[in-house]
Structures are given as structure tokens and as C-alpha cells.
C-alpha atoms as a PDB file:
ATOM      1  CA  PRO A   1     131.341  57.801 -41.117  1.00  0.00           C
ATOM      2  CA  GLY A   2     133.417  55.475 -43.229  1.00  0.00           C
ATOM      3  CA  SER A   3     136.648  55.971 -41.267  1.00  0.00           C
ATOM      4  CA  ARG A   4     137.895  54.559 -38.041  1.00  0.00           C
ATOM      5  CA  LEU A   5     141.235  54.274 -36.345  1.00  0.00           C
ATOM      6  CA  LEU A   6     143.145  51.042 -35.932  1.00  0.00           C
ATOM      7  CA  LYS A   7     145.583  51.463 -33.075  1.00  0.00           C
ATOM      8  CA  ILE A   8     148.461  49.018 -32.948  1.00  0.00           C
ATOM      9  CA  GLN A   9     150.614  48.880 -29.871  1.00  0.00           C
ATOM     10  CA  SER A  10     153.733  46.832 -29.640  1.00  0.00           C
ATOM     11  CA  SER A  11     155.895  46.376 -26.626  1.00  0.00           C
ATOM     12  CA  THR A  12     159.463  45.144 -26.716  1.00  0.00           C
ATOM     13  CA  SER A  13     162.117  44.951 -24.061  1.00  0.00           C
ATOM     14  CA  LYS A  14     163.779  48.079 -25.423  1.00  0.00           C
ATOM     15  CA  ALA A  15     160.870  50.262 -26.454  1.00  0.00           C
ATOM     16  CA  VAL A  16     157.146  50.740 -26.465  1.00  0.00           C
ATOM     17  CA  TRP A  17     155.771  52.351 -29.539  1.00  0.00           C
ATOM     18  CA  GLU A  18     152.435  53.009 -31.130  1.00  0.00           C
ATOM     19  CA  ASN A  19     151.447  53.452 -34.723  1.00  0.00           C
ATOM     20  CA  GLN A  20     148.023  54.579 -35.744  1.00  0.00           C
ATOM     21  CA  ILE A  21     146.618  53.653 -39.082  1.00  0.00           C
ATOM     22  CA  VAL A  22     143.439  55.185 -40.404  1.00  0.00           C
ATOM     23  CA  LEU A  23     141.113  52.698 -41.997  1.00  0.00           C
ATOM     24  CA  SER A  24     139.251  54.745 -44.590  1.00  0.00           C
ATOM     25  CA  ASP A  25     136.598  53.812 -47.099  1.00  0.00           C
ATOM     26  CA  VAL A  26     139.417  52.467 -49.269  1.00  0.00           C
ATOM     27  CA  HIS A  27     139.903  49.672 -46.743  1.00  0.00           C
ATOM     28  CA  LYS A  28     136.436  48.159 -46.617  1.00  0.00           C
ATOM     29  CA  ASP A  29     138.089  44.826 -47.251  1.00  0.00           C
ATOM     30  CA  PRO A  30     137.153  42.642 -44.263  1.00  0.00           C
ATOM     31  CA  ASP A  31     140.614  41.044 -44.258  1.00  0.00           C
ATOM     32  CA  TYR A  32     142.475  44.355 -43.988  1.00  0.00           C
ATOM     33  CA  GLU A  33     142.722  44.360 -40.188  1.00  0.00           C
ATOM     34  CA  ARG A  34     144.065  40.780 -40.208  1.00  0.00           C
ATOM     35  CA  ARG A  35     146.644  41.716 -42.846  1.00  0.00           C
ATOM     36  CA  VAL A  36     147.705  44.743 -40.788  1.00  0.00           C
ATOM     37  CA  GLN A  37     148.219  42.464 -37.798  1.00  0.00           C
ATOM     38  CA  ASP A  38     150.297  40.106 -39.976  1.00  0.00           C
ATOM     39  CA  TYR A  39     152.343  43.016 -41.355  1.00  0.00           C
ATOM     40  CA  THR A  40     152.885  44.295 -37.816  1.00  0.00           C
ATOM     41  CA  ALA A  41     154.206  40.910 -36.681  1.00  0.00           C
ATOM     42  CA  ALA A  42     156.559  40.756 -39.694  1.00  0.00           C
ATOM     43  CA  PHE A  43     157.697  44.341 -39.033  1.00  0.00           C
ATOM     44  CA  GLN A  44     158.463  43.535 -35.411  1.00  0.00           C
ATOM     45  CA  GLY A  45     160.520  40.555 -36.559  1.00  0.00           C
ATOM     46  CA  MET A  46     162.712  42.856 -38.646  1.00  0.00           C
ATOM     47  CA  ASP A  47     162.958  45.615 -36.023  1.00  0.00           C
ATOM     48  CA  ASN A  48     165.886  43.951 -34.236  1.00  0.00           C
ATOM     49  CA  ASP A  49     166.529  46.742 -31.742  1.00  0.00           C
ATOM     50  CA  GLY A  50     162.834  47.288 -30.965  1.00  0.00           C
ATOM     51  CA  ASP A  51     162.878  51.028 -31.604  1.00  0.00           C
ATOM     52  CA  GLY A  52     159.763  51.013 -33.820  1.00  0.00           C
ATOM     53  CA  THR A  53     161.601  51.525 -37.106  1.00  0.00           C
ATOM     54  CA  ILE A  54     163.541  49.406 -39.560  1.00  0.00           C
ATOM     55  CA  THR A  55     166.997  50.784 -40.299  1.00  0.00           C
ATOM     56  CA  PHE A  56     168.908  50.117 -43.492  1.00  0.00           C
ATOM     57  CA  GLU A  57     171.101  47.596 -41.668  1.00  0.00           C
ATOM     58  CA  GLU A  58     168.067  45.685 -40.370  1.00  0.00           C
ATOM     59  CA  PHE A  59     166.506  45.764 -43.847  1.00  0.00           C
ATOM     60  CA  LYS A  60     169.738  44.618 -45.488  1.00  0.00           C
ATOM     61  CA  GLN A  61     170.138  41.779 -43.019  1.00  0.00           C
ATOM     62  CA  LEU A  62     166.701  40.428 -43.975  1.00  0.00           C
ATOM     63  CA  TRP A  63     167.439  40.459 -47.705  1.00  0.00           C
ATOM     64  CA  VAL A  64     170.912  38.940 -47.367  1.00  0.00           C
ATOM     65  CA  LYS A  65     169.645  36.181 -45.021  1.00  0.00           C
ATOM     66  CA  SER A  66     166.770  35.373 -47.364  1.00  0.00           C
ATOM     67  CA  GLY A  67     169.149  35.010 -50.308  1.00  0.00           C
ATOM     68  CA  PHE A  68     166.943  37.149 -52.554  1.00  0.00           C
ATOM     69  CA  LEU A  69     169.297  40.134 -52.699  1.00  0.00           C
ATOM     70  CA  SER A  70     172.929  40.395 -51.694  1.00  0.00           C
ATOM     71  CA  ASN A  71     174.107  43.468 -53.598  1.00  0.00           C
ATOM     72  CA  GLU A  72     174.096  46.414 -51.182  1.00  0.00           C
ATOM     73  CA  GLY A  73     173.347  48.874 -53.995  1.00  0.00           C
ATOM     74  CA  ASP A  74     170.211  46.974 -55.016  1.00  0.00           C
ATOM     75  CA  ILE A  75     169.113  46.706 -51.397  1.00  0.00           C
ATOM     76  CA  ARG A  76     169.663  50.464 -50.933  1.00  0.00           C
ATOM     77  CA  ILE A  77     167.489  51.235 -53.979  1.00  0.00           C
ATOM     78  CA  LEU A  78     164.680  49.078 -52.597  1.00  0.00           C
ATOM     79  CA  PHE A  79     165.058  50.578 -49.109  1.00  0.00           C
ATOM     80  CA  ASN A  80     164.817  54.105 -50.496  1.00  0.00           C
ATOM     81  CA  GLN A  81     161.640  53.202 -52.379  1.00  0.00           C
ATOM     82  CA  VAL A  82     160.033  51.969 -49.154  1.00  0.00           C
ATOM     83  CA  ASP A  83     161.308  54.902 -47.045  1.00  0.00           C
ATOM     84  CA  VAL A  84     158.756  57.266 -48.573  1.00  0.00           C
ATOM     85  CA  ASN A  85     159.412  60.209 -46.243  1.00  0.00           C
ATOM     86  CA  GLY A  86     163.191  59.920 -46.653  1.00  0.00           C
ATOM     87  CA  ASP A  87     164.022  59.919 -42.947  1.00  0.00           C
ATOM     88  CA  GLY A  88     166.439  56.987 -43.274  1.00  0.00           C
ATOM     89  CA  THR A  89     164.170  54.452 -41.582  1.00  0.00           C
ATOM     90  CA  ILE A  90     161.071  52.472 -42.493  1.00  0.00           C
ATOM     91  CA  SER A  91     158.070  53.075 -40.249  1.00  0.00           C
ATOM     92  CA  LEU A  92     155.255  50.606 -39.699  1.00  0.00           C
ATOM     93  CA  LYS A  93     153.010  52.813 -41.833  1.00  0.00           C
ATOM     94  CA  GLU A  94     155.483  52.737 -44.736  1.00  0.00           C
ATOM     95  CA  PHE A  95     155.875  48.972 -44.313  1.00  0.00           C
ATOM     96  CA  ILE A  96     152.112  48.400 -44.417  1.00  0.00           C
ATOM     97  CA  GLU A  97     151.714  50.658 -47.446  1.00  0.00           C
ATOM     98  CA  LEU A  98     154.464  48.712 -49.238  1.00  0.00           C
ATOM     99  CA  ASN A  99     152.801  45.383 -48.545  1.00  0.00           C
ATOM    100  CA  GLU A 100     149.378  46.629 -49.575  1.00  0.00           C
ATOM    101  CA  ARG A 101     150.765  47.677 -52.977  1.00  0.00           C
ATOM    102  CA  PHE A 102     151.880  44.133 -53.744  1.00  0.00           C
END
């Protein structure tokens, strides 16, 4: 009771990947599922190679194109803050958690 699983599946020409996100009691917000769908769409837009992760280069490209950040050192600091598990990529789960904090 109080928890259920939201399963998100995305298919691209290069890869099919699944991410599962547990919706716990913390996420009783009725708009949470809609936000997760929005975050997933944004994530897919940044995942240029369709492998289910955002690399530093993909992340950097977004920030440079947007004009918000252009200094690679600043972008690296931000990337490392989002890459919580330190594997060198940003997963959908990490991306959603980042967006839910702000």
C-alpha cells in the first residue's frame, strides 16, 4: 500500500531502454506522473545517441546551445552534481530526481 511502480519505456532507432521509478508515499502529488512524462521527453531530447543515458558531451551541448553556460569547467561541476552514482552518465532516474529538487 502506498507504493506503485511507474514503468517508462522509450524506443529509439538505436536502442530500447526501460527505467522504472517507484512512486512512493512521497509522491502523492497528482501531477507527479505528468511531470515524469515531461522529464522523460526532455531526457530523450538530450540523449542524442538513444542509449538511455546522457553523456557529458550531450549535457555540455545542451548548456552551450542554450547560452546559459559555456565554460566547460562549470558544466562539468553541474554534470557531476547530477551524476549521483558517479558512473560518468546521467540516467533518467538521476534526471528526474534533479528536476524534482528544483
